[in-house]
């Protein structure tokens, strides 16, 4: 299991948290959003999900991974 923290811009509410966490869960990883820090901590298996796929899932929700 790998844990990575990504900086994500554009999140500001509970809906944002749900959108990001659900999108990441749907591709086989677990995410925990921290609105105050503008970050998403992701736990994933590198053999099943790539970090690029995780970033893409977040960006598809309308947020910017920086």
C-alpha atoms as a PDB file:
ATOM      1  CA  UNK A   1       0.000   0.000   0.000  1.00  0.00           C
ATOM      2  CA  UNK A   2       1.289   3.422  -0.980  1.00  0.00           C
ATOM      3  CA  UNK A   3       0.170   6.703   0.581  1.00  0.00           C
ATOM      4  CA  UNK A   4       0.513   9.978  -1.300  1.00  0.00           C
ATOM      5  CA  UNK A   5      -0.713  13.473  -0.480  1.00  0.00           C
ATOM      6  CA  UNK A   6      -1.735  15.648  -3.404  1.00  0.00           C
ATOM      7  CA  UNK A   7      -2.371  19.395  -3.383  1.00  0.00           C
ATOM      8  CA  UNK A   8      -5.747  20.057  -4.969  1.00  0.00           C
ATOM      9  CA  UNK A   9      -7.160  23.492  -5.720  1.00  0.00           C
ATOM     10  CA  UNK A  10     -10.819  24.410  -6.043  1.00  0.00           C
ATOM     11  CA  UNK A  11     -12.327  22.381  -3.193  1.00  0.00           C
ATOM     12  CA  UNK A  12     -14.406  24.400  -0.747  1.00  0.00           C
ATOM     13  CA  UNK A  13     -17.333  22.403   0.658  1.00  0.00           C
ATOM     14  CA  UNK A  14     -18.780  19.060   1.620  1.00  0.00           C
ATOM     15  CA  UNK A  15     -19.899  18.416  -1.947  1.00  0.00           C
ATOM     16  CA  UNK A  16     -16.292  18.806  -3.083  1.00  0.00           C
ATOM     17  CA  UNK A  17     -15.154  16.309  -0.461  1.00  0.00           C
ATOM     18  CA  UNK A  18     -17.758  13.768  -1.554  1.00  0.00           C
ATOM     19  CA  UNK A  19     -16.994  14.251  -5.255  1.00  0.00           C
ATOM     20  CA  UNK A  20     -13.267  13.702  -4.850  1.00  0.00           C
ATOM     21  CA  UNK A  21     -13.470  10.843  -2.370  1.00  0.00           C
ATOM     22  CA  UNK A  22     -16.092   9.011  -4.452  1.00  0.00           C
ATOM     23  CA  UNK A  23     -14.191   9.481  -7.729  1.00  0.00           C
ATOM     24  CA  UNK A  24     -11.016   8.071  -6.201  1.00  0.00           C
ATOM     25  CA  UNK A  25     -12.901   5.194  -4.558  1.00  0.00           C
ATOM     26  CA  UNK A  26     -14.489   4.330  -7.914  1.00  0.00           C
ATOM     27  CA  UNK A  27     -11.068   3.621  -9.439  1.00  0.00           C
ATOM     28  CA  UNK A  28      -9.964   1.420  -6.555  1.00  0.00           C
ATOM     29  CA  UNK A  29      -8.173   3.736  -4.116  1.00  0.00           C
ATOM     30  CA  UNK A  30      -9.082   5.455  -0.841  1.00  0.00           C
ATOM     31  CA  UNK A  31      -8.964   9.228  -0.417  1.00  0.00           C
ATOM     32  CA  UNK A  32      -9.275  11.577   2.541  1.00  0.00           C
ATOM     33  CA  UNK A  33      -9.817  15.251   1.733  1.00  0.00           C
ATOM     34  CA  UNK A  34      -8.536  18.023   4.010  1.00  0.00           C
ATOM     35  CA  UNK A  35     -10.281  21.213   2.886  1.00  0.00           C
ATOM     36  CA  UNK A  36      -8.255  23.480   5.175  1.00  0.00           C
ATOM     37  CA  UNK A  37      -4.967  22.217   3.717  1.00  0.00           C
ATOM     38  CA  UNK A  38      -6.228  21.946   0.119  1.00  0.00           C
ATOM     39  CA  UNK A  39      -4.982  18.378   0.105  1.00  0.00           C
ATOM     40  CA  UNK A  40      -6.084  14.842  -0.642  1.00  0.00           C
ATOM     41  CA  UNK A  41      -4.306  11.919   0.995  1.00  0.00           C
ATOM     42  CA  UNK A  42      -4.637   8.790  -1.117  1.00  0.00           C
ATOM     43  CA  UNK A  43      -3.958   5.162  -0.167  1.00  0.00           C
ATOM     44  CA  UNK A  44      -3.613   2.854  -3.154  1.00  0.00           C
ATOM     45  CA  UNK A  45      -1.993  -0.303  -4.501  1.00  0.00           C
ATOM     46  CA  UNK A  46       0.532   0.683  -7.164  1.00  0.00           C
ATOM     47  CA  UNK A  47      -0.045  -2.622  -8.958  1.00  0.00           C
ATOM     48  CA  UNK A  48      -3.752  -1.798  -9.410  1.00  0.00           C
ATOM     49  CA  UNK A  49      -4.002   2.000  -9.698  1.00  0.00           C
ATOM     50  CA  UNK A  50      -1.502   4.563 -10.975  1.00  0.00           C
ATOM     51  CA  UNK A  51      -1.001   8.002  -9.491  1.00  0.00           C
ATOM     52  CA  UNK A  52      -1.792   9.436 -12.932  1.00  0.00           C
ATOM     53  CA  UNK A  53      -5.183   7.684 -12.891  1.00  0.00           C
ATOM     54  CA  UNK A  54      -5.879   9.126  -9.445  1.00  0.00           C
ATOM     55  CA  UNK A  55      -4.966  12.643 -10.581  1.00  0.00           C
ATOM     56  CA  UNK A  56      -7.148  12.231 -13.673  1.00  0.00           C
ATOM     57  CA  UNK A  57     -10.126  11.067 -11.574  1.00  0.00           C
ATOM     58  CA  UNK A  58      -9.806  14.170  -9.378  1.00  0.00           C
ATOM     59  CA  UNK A  59      -9.377  16.513 -12.344  1.00  0.00           C
ATOM     60  CA  UNK A  60     -12.447  15.006 -14.043  1.00  0.00           C
ATOM     61  CA  UNK A  61     -14.449  16.296 -11.063  1.00  0.00           C
ATOM     62  CA  UNK A  62     -13.355  19.854 -11.922  1.00  0.00           C
ATOM     63  CA  UNK A  63     -10.468  20.336  -9.491  1.00  0.00           C
ATOM     64  CA  UNK A  64      -6.815  21.118 -10.221  1.00  0.00           C
ATOM     65  CA  UNK A  65      -4.098  18.804  -8.956  1.00  0.00           C
ATOM     66  CA  UNK A  66      -0.924  20.866  -8.555  1.00  0.00           C
END
